[in-house]
Protein backbone atom coordinates (compact mmCIF):
# COMPACT_ATOMS: atom_id res chain seq x y z
CA MET A 1 -0.03 -0.13 0.16
CA ASP A 2 1.48 3.41 -0.90
CA ARG A 3 0.56 6.29 1.12
CA PRO A 4 0.33 9.66 -0.71
CA ASN A 5 2.46 12.43 0.81
CA LYS A 6 -0.07 15.11 -0.49
CA LYS A 7 -1.55 18.29 0.74
CA TYR A 8 -5.27 17.03 0.06
CA VAL A 9 -5.46 13.65 1.79
CA VAL A 10 -8.60 11.79 1.32
CA ARG A 11 -9.87 10.18 4.72
CA LEU A 12 -13.37 8.82 4.23
CA ASP A 13 -15.62 7.98 7.23
CA VAL A 14 -17.51 4.57 7.48
CA GLU A 15 -20.79 6.42 6.22
CA GLU A 16 -19.21 8.09 3.42
CA CYS A 17 -17.23 4.88 2.38
CA GLU A 18 -20.34 2.68 2.29
CA GLY A 19 -22.40 5.20 0.44
CA LEU A 20 -19.62 5.54 -2.34
CA ARG A 21 -19.55 1.68 -2.63
CA ARG A 22 -23.44 1.52 -2.96
CA LEU A 23 -23.21 4.25 -5.47
CA VAL A 24 -20.38 2.33 -7.63
CA SER A 25 -22.35 -1.06 -7.05
CA LYS A 26 -25.62 0.19 -8.30
CA GLY A 27 -24.04 1.94 -11.49
CA LYS A 28 -27.00 4.11 -11.69
CA ALA A 29 -25.19 7.55 -11.74
CA SER A 30 -23.57 9.47 -14.54
CA ALA A 31 -20.07 8.04 -15.54
CA LEU A 32 -18.68 11.36 -14.32
CA LYS A 33 -19.90 10.76 -10.67
CA LEU A 34 -19.21 6.97 -11.03
CA THR A 35 -15.44 7.83 -11.63
CA ARG A 36 -15.17 10.37 -9.32
CA ALA A 37 -16.64 7.99 -6.75
CA HIS A 38 -13.92 5.44 -7.77
CA ILE A 39 -11.18 7.94 -7.29
CA LEU A 40 -12.25 8.81 -3.83
CA LEU A 41 -12.53 5.17 -2.96
CA GLN A 42 -8.97 4.42 -4.08
CA ALA A 43 -7.20 7.69 -2.71
CA ASP A 44 -8.85 6.95 0.77
CA VAL A 45 -6.01 6.74 3.21
CA SER A 46 -8.18 5.51 5.99
CA LYS A 47 -8.13 1.77 7.37
CA ALA A 48 -11.00 0.83 4.85
CA GLY A 49 -9.16 2.29 1.78
CA PRO A 50 -6.04 1.22 -0.20
CA GLY A 51 -4.54 4.91 -0.36
CA TRP A 52 -3.30 4.55 -3.88
CA THR A 53 -1.10 7.47 -5.53
CA ASP A 54 -2.64 9.61 -8.13
CA GLU A 55 -0.71 8.00 -10.66
CA ARG A 56 -1.98 4.63 -10.01
CA ILE A 57 -5.69 5.81 -9.62
CA ALA A 58 -5.47 7.75 -13.09
CA GLU A 59 -3.81 4.63 -14.83
CA GLY A 60 -6.35 2.36 -13.41
CA LEU A 61 -9.36 4.58 -13.94
CA GLY A 62 -8.12 5.67 -17.46
CA VAL A 63 -8.25 9.54 -16.42
CA ALA A 64 -5.55 12.14 -16.08
CA VAL A 65 -3.59 12.52 -12.99
CA ARG A 66 -4.93 16.22 -12.79
CA THR A 67 -8.40 14.69 -12.76
CA VAL A 68 -7.61 12.76 -9.33
CA GLU A 69 -5.82 15.86 -7.95
CA HIS A 70 -8.85 18.09 -8.67
CA VAL A 71 -11.32 15.44 -7.16
CA ARG A 72 -9.10 15.05 -3.87
CA ARG A 73 -8.88 18.96 -3.38
CA ARG A 74 -12.50 19.27 -3.93
CA PHE A 75 -13.33 16.48 -1.59
CA VAL A 76 -10.95 17.99 1.07
CA GLU A 77 -12.08 21.62 0.72
CA GLU A 78 -15.81 21.33 -0.27
CA GLY A 79 -17.01 17.89 0.84
CA LEU A 80 -18.24 14.59 -0.66
CA GLU A 81 -21.33 15.90 -2.52
CA ARG A 82 -19.53 18.70 -4.14
CA ALA A 83 -16.59 16.37 -5.07
CA LEU A 84 -18.84 14.09 -6.83
CA GLU A 85 -20.99 16.67 -8.77
CA ARG A 86 -20.22 18.65 -11.59
CA LYS A 87 -18.91 22.41 -10.75
CA LYS A 88 -21.53 24.99 -11.74
CA GLN A 89 -20.58 27.66 -14.08
CA LEU A 90 -20.16 31.12 -12.41
CA ARG A 91 -21.51 32.79 -15.69
CA ALA A 92 -23.06 31.58 -18.91
CA SER A 93 -20.92 30.67 -21.74
CA VAL A 94 -22.76 32.99 -24.10
CA GLU A 95 -24.24 36.00 -22.90
CA ARG A 96 -28.10 36.22 -23.35
CA LYS A 97 -29.58 38.23 -26.07
CA LEU A 98 -32.71 39.48 -24.24
CA ASP A 99 -32.34 40.82 -20.81
CA GLY A 100 -35.51 41.72 -18.63
CA ARG A 101 -35.85 45.22 -20.39
CA LYS A 102 -35.32 43.73 -23.88
CA GLU A 103 -37.86 40.94 -23.01
CA ALA A 104 -40.43 43.44 -22.00
CA ARG A 105 -39.96 45.44 -25.36
CA LEU A 106 -40.40 42.14 -27.08
CA ILE A 107 -43.75 41.58 -25.18
CA ALA A 108 -44.85 45.09 -26.01
CA VAL A 109 -44.26 44.43 -29.64
CA CYS A 110 -46.20 41.27 -29.47
CA CYS A 111 -49.10 43.07 -28.08
CA SER A 112 -49.05 45.70 -30.51
CA LYS A 113 -50.79 45.66 -34.00
CA PRO A 114 -48.99 43.58 -36.49
CA PRO A 115 -47.50 45.09 -39.55
CA ASP A 116 -49.90 45.81 -42.42
CA GLY A 117 -50.93 42.93 -44.61
CA GLN A 118 -50.52 40.37 -41.62
CA LYS A 119 -53.00 38.98 -39.33
CA ARG A 120 -50.78 38.42 -36.47
CA TRP A 121 -47.03 38.54 -35.46
CA THR A 122 -44.71 35.53 -36.57
CA LEU A 123 -41.50 34.76 -34.77
CA ARG A 124 -39.58 35.97 -37.78
CA LEU A 125 -41.44 39.33 -38.06
CA LEU A 126 -40.88 39.74 -34.20
CA ALA A 127 -37.11 39.07 -34.67
CA ASP A 128 -36.89 41.78 -37.52
CA ARG A 129 -38.86 44.29 -35.60
CA LEU A 130 -36.51 44.05 -32.63
CA VAL A 131 -33.63 44.63 -34.95
CA GLU A 132 -35.51 47.30 -36.65
CA LEU A 133 -36.28 49.13 -33.38
CA ARG A 134 -32.49 48.45 -32.32
CA VAL A 135 -33.44 46.69 -29.30
CA VAL A 136 -30.71 44.21 -30.48
CA ASP A 137 -28.15 44.00 -33.23
CA SER A 138 -29.34 40.51 -34.50
CA ILE A 139 -31.36 37.80 -33.04
CA SER A 140 -32.82 34.57 -34.21
CA TYR A 141 -36.51 33.67 -34.33
CA GLU A 142 -35.74 30.59 -32.32
CA THR A 143 -34.52 33.03 -29.28
CA VAL A 144 -37.78 34.83 -29.57
CA ARG A 145 -39.66 31.66 -29.50
CA CYS A 146 -37.78 30.53 -26.25
CA THR A 147 -38.31 33.96 -24.59
CA LEU A 148 -41.85 34.02 -25.51
CA LYS A 149 -42.36 30.33 -24.26
CA LYS A 150 -40.69 31.26 -21.04
CA THR A 151 -42.80 34.36 -20.44
CA SER A 152 -46.05 32.96 -21.12
């Protein structure tokens, strides 16, 4: 048994260890969660765990050594649940086209009279009108649809 000489040492108590073993044996969680559970079980340096090195765990599970290091660090700093789950993004990857004020303008346009020759507003007409009114530089009718679906 090779004990790691690391800053973030995984020491699972009995309940945590049993919970992880149940999770792994059922196999009903996401692959990411199961891999992280395996990492924690193999990195455990308590009496119940083998206390493998990061390199050995990474090789055995087919993941990068940095992945093992990150899971151990998150376990020590944030706890078991946070180590198993995917980290939430602090901000969206893509900025929203329509914030609250722009959504209100979209709804106001929807409630107004449709253009001449039209019985009602279509999604494409609404998108074109938002660009025409300079609410946004460009917008797809799908974004308009999703926004209206959310606000109805």
